[in-house]
Amino acid sequence: MTDEEKRIIKNFEANVRQLLRLYAVLQKENQDLYSELEQKDLEIEKLHAEIGQCKKDYSNLKLAKMIEVSDSEMKNAKQRLSKLVRDVNKCIGLLSTEQTTE
């Protein structure tokens, strides 16, 4: 084997070693990227669940706000009920006086 052939073989071996190192680096990088992708998928899934819960909470809050009774509304309702009770009592009183006169 001539010196030129030996030099070519050494260059070839060096290139193969370099390619193997580069392959290992790329393989590690690929593995890291797949791992990161899996983490991101889990994070996205978690965020979707959180969004669903937030939508549900918002819907419940809207419903609660619709049925919420303020203090003034409560006072008005009590006054109306008191008036109705007085009216019913008057009617009962009138009916009882009518029955006793008959």
C-alpha atoms as a PDB file:
ATOM      1  CA  MET A   1       0.000   0.000   0.000  1.00  0.00           C
ATOM      2  CA  THR A   2       1.395   3.347  -0.968  1.00  0.00           C
ATOM      3  CA  ASP A   3       1.662   6.407   1.243  1.00  0.00           C
ATOM      4  CA  GLU A   4      -1.063   8.086  -0.779  1.00  0.00           C
ATOM      5  CA  GLU A   5      -3.465   5.173  -0.181  1.00  0.00           C
ATOM      6  CA  LYS A   6      -2.642   5.181   3.555  1.00  0.00           C
ATOM      7  CA  ARG A   7      -3.356   8.906   3.702  1.00  0.00           C
ATOM      8  CA  ILE A   8      -6.686   8.410   1.903  1.00  0.00           C
ATOM      9  CA  ILE A   9      -7.655   5.603   4.298  1.00  0.00           C
ATOM     10  CA  LYS A  10      -6.734   7.753   7.338  1.00  0.00           C
ATOM     11  CA  ASN A  11      -8.790  10.615   5.953  1.00  0.00           C
ATOM     12  CA  PHE A  12     -11.657   8.230   5.326  1.00  0.00           C
ATOM     13  CA  GLU A  13     -11.417   6.845   8.889  1.00  0.00           C
ATOM     14  CA  ALA A  14     -11.325  10.379  10.301  1.00  0.00           C
ATOM     15  CA  ASN A  15     -14.377  11.308   8.259  1.00  0.00           C
ATOM     16  CA  VAL A  16     -16.240   8.183   9.436  1.00  0.00           C
ATOM     17  CA  ARG A  17     -15.392   8.946  13.098  1.00  0.00           C
ATOM     18  CA  GLN A  18     -16.560  12.521  12.612  1.00  0.00           C
ATOM     19  CA  LEU A  19     -19.769  11.298  11.004  1.00  0.00           C
ATOM     20  CA  LEU A  20     -20.355   8.861  13.898  1.00  0.00           C
ATOM     21  CA  ARG A  21     -19.829  11.677  16.458  1.00  0.00           C
ATOM     22  CA  LEU A  22     -22.172  13.931  14.528  1.00  0.00           C
ATOM     23  CA  TYR A  23     -24.719  11.113  14.304  1.00  0.00           C
ATOM     24  CA  ALA A  24     -24.559  10.607  18.083  1.00  0.00           C
ATOM     25  CA  VAL A  25     -25.013  14.335  18.686  1.00  0.00           C
ATOM     26  CA  LEU A  26     -27.960  14.482  16.302  1.00  0.00           C
ATOM     27  CA  GLN A  27     -29.481  11.374  17.831  1.00  0.00           C
ATOM     28  CA  LYS A  28     -29.250  12.944  21.324  1.00  0.00           C
ATOM     29  CA  GLU A  29     -30.713  16.195  20.039  1.00  0.00           C
ATOM     30  CA  ASN A  30     -33.561  14.290  18.384  1.00  0.00           C
ATOM     31  CA  GLN A  31     -34.263  12.415  21.617  1.00  0.00           C
ATOM     32  CA  ASP A  32     -34.270  15.709  23.570  1.00  0.00           C
ATOM     33  CA  LEU A  33     -36.666  17.252  21.057  1.00  0.00           C
ATOM     34  CA  TYR A  34     -39.045  14.294  21.304  1.00  0.00           C
ATOM     35  CA  SER A  35     -38.939  14.564  25.084  1.00  0.00           C
ATOM     36  CA  GLU A  36     -39.649  18.302  24.914  1.00  0.00           C
ATOM     37  CA  LEU A  37     -42.490  17.670  22.475  1.00  0.00           C
ATOM     38  CA  GLU A  38     -44.032  15.146  24.853  1.00  0.00           C
ATOM     39  CA  GLN A  39     -43.792  17.652  27.719  1.00  0.00           C
ATOM     40  CA  LYS A  40     -45.421  20.329  25.589  1.00  0.00           C
ATOM     41  CA  ASP A  41     -48.228  17.943  24.634  1.00  0.00           C
ATOM     42  CA  LEU A  42     -48.862  17.229  28.328  1.00  0.00           C
ATOM     43  CA  GLU A  43     -48.804  20.946  29.087  1.00  0.00           C
ATOM     44  CA  ILE A  44     -51.265  21.630  26.259  1.00  0.00           C
ATOM     45  CA  GLU A  45     -53.559  18.901  27.557  1.00  0.00           C
ATOM     46  CA  LYS A  46     -53.385  20.374  31.060  1.00  0.00           C
ATOM     47  CA  LEU A  47     -54.132  23.869  29.731  1.00  0.00           C
ATOM     48  CA  HIS A  48     -57.106  22.574  27.738  1.00  0.00           C
ATOM     49  CA  ALA A  49     -58.488  21.017  30.923  1.00  0.00           C
ATOM     50  CA  GLU A  50     -57.885  24.293  32.767  1.00  0.00           C
ATOM     51  CA  ILE A  51     -59.675  26.246  30.022  1.00  0.00           C
ATOM     52  CA  GLY A  52     -62.613  23.848  30.265  1.00  0.00           C
ATOM     53  CA  GLN A  53     -62.754  24.344  34.033  1.00  0.00           C
ATOM     54  CA  CYS A  54     -62.554  28.128  33.615  1.00  0.00           C
ATOM     55  CA  LYS A  55     -65.421  28.077  31.115  1.00  0.00           C
ATOM     56  CA  LYS A  56     -67.470  25.991  33.520  1.00  0.00           C
ATOM     57  CA  ASP A  57     -66.658  28.336  36.419  1.00  0.00           C
ATOM     58  CA  TYR A  58     -67.525  31.367  34.277  1.00  0.00           C
ATOM     59  CA  SER A  59     -70.846  29.834  33.314  1.00  0.00           C
ATOM     60  CA  ASN A  60     -71.620  29.121  36.973  1.00  0.00           C
ATOM     61  CA  LEU A  61     -70.637  32.667  37.910  1.00  0.00           C
ATOM     62  CA  LYS A  62     -72.920  34.123  35.235  1.00  0.00           C
ATOM     63  CA  LEU A  63     -75.783  31.986  36.510  1.00  0.00           C
ATOM     64  CA  ALA A  64     -75.121  33.017  40.107  1.00  0.00           C
ATOM     65  CA  LYS A  65     -74.992  36.664  39.077  1.00  0.00           C
ATOM     66  CA  MET A  66     -78.359  36.344  37.348  1.00  0.00           C
ATOM     67  CA  ILE A  67     -80.070  34.929  40.437  1.00  0.00           C
ATOM     68  CA  GLU A  68     -78.252  37.154  42.926  1.00  0.00           C
ATOM     69  CA  VAL A  69     -80.596  39.307  44.915  1.00  0.00           C
ATOM     70  CA  SER A  70     -79.352  42.686  45.992  1.00  0.00           C
ATOM     71  CA  ASP A  71     -80.211  44.253  49.356  1.00  0.00           C
ATOM     72  CA  SER A  72     -82.650  46.736  47.832  1.00  0.00           C
ATOM     73  CA  GLU A  73     -84.411  43.959  45.909  1.00  0.00           C
ATOM     74  CA  MET A  74     -84.633  41.939  49.134  1.00  0.00           C
ATOM     75  CA  LYS A  75     -86.098  44.918  51.006  1.00  0.00           C
ATOM     76  CA  ASN A  76     -88.681  45.500  48.280  1.00  0.00           C
ATOM     77  CA  ALA A  77     -89.619  41.820  48.261  1.00  0.00           C
ATOM     78  CA  LYS A  78     -90.088  41.848  52.053  1.00  0.00           C
ATOM     79  CA  GLN A  79     -92.266  44.960  51.826  1.00  0.00           C
ATOM     80  CA  ARG A  80     -94.431  43.366  49.119  1.00  0.00           C
ATOM     81  CA  LEU A  81     -94.776  40.173  51.163  1.00  0.00           C
ATOM     82  CA  SER A  82     -95.711  42.187  54.287  1.00  0.00           C
ATOM     83  CA  LYS A  83     -98.355  44.067  52.310  1.00  0.00           C
ATOM     84  CA  LEU A  84     -99.735  40.803  50.928  1.00  0.00           C
ATOM     85  CA  VAL A  85     -99.887  39.319  54.442  1.00  0.00           C
ATOM     86  CA  ARG A  86    -101.730  42.435  55.715  1.00  0.00           C
ATOM     87  CA  ASP A  87    -104.163  42.211  52.794  1.00  0.00           C
ATOM     88  CA  VAL A  88    -104.802  38.521  53.500  1.00  0.00           C
ATOM     89  CA  ASN A  89    -105.319  39.293  57.209  1.00  0.00           C
ATOM     90  CA  LYS A  90    -107.811  42.050  56.307  1.00  0.00           C
ATOM     91  CA  CYS A  91    -109.677  39.634  54.056  1.00  0.00           C
ATOM     92  CA  ILE A  92    -109.784  37.029  56.812  1.00  0.00           C
ATOM     93  CA  GLY A  93    -110.991  39.667  59.256  1.00  0.00           C
ATOM     94  CA  LEU A  94    -113.721  40.786  56.873  1.00  0.00           C
ATOM     95  CA  LEU A  95    -114.817  37.195  56.256  1.00  0.00           C
ATOM     96  CA  SER A  96    -114.941  36.460  59.991  1.00  0.00           C
ATOM     97  CA  THR A  97    -117.064  39.565  60.691  1.00  0.00           C
ATOM     98  CA  GLU A  98    -119.423  38.627  57.881  1.00  0.00           C
ATOM     99  CA  GLN A  99    -119.845  35.111  59.282  1.00  0.00           C
ATOM    100  CA  THR A 100    -120.558  36.366  62.801  1.00  0.00           C
ATOM    101  CA  THR A 101    -123.231  38.797  61.543  1.00  0.00           C
ATOM    102  CA  GLU A 102    -125.106  36.117  59.650  1.00  0.00           C
END
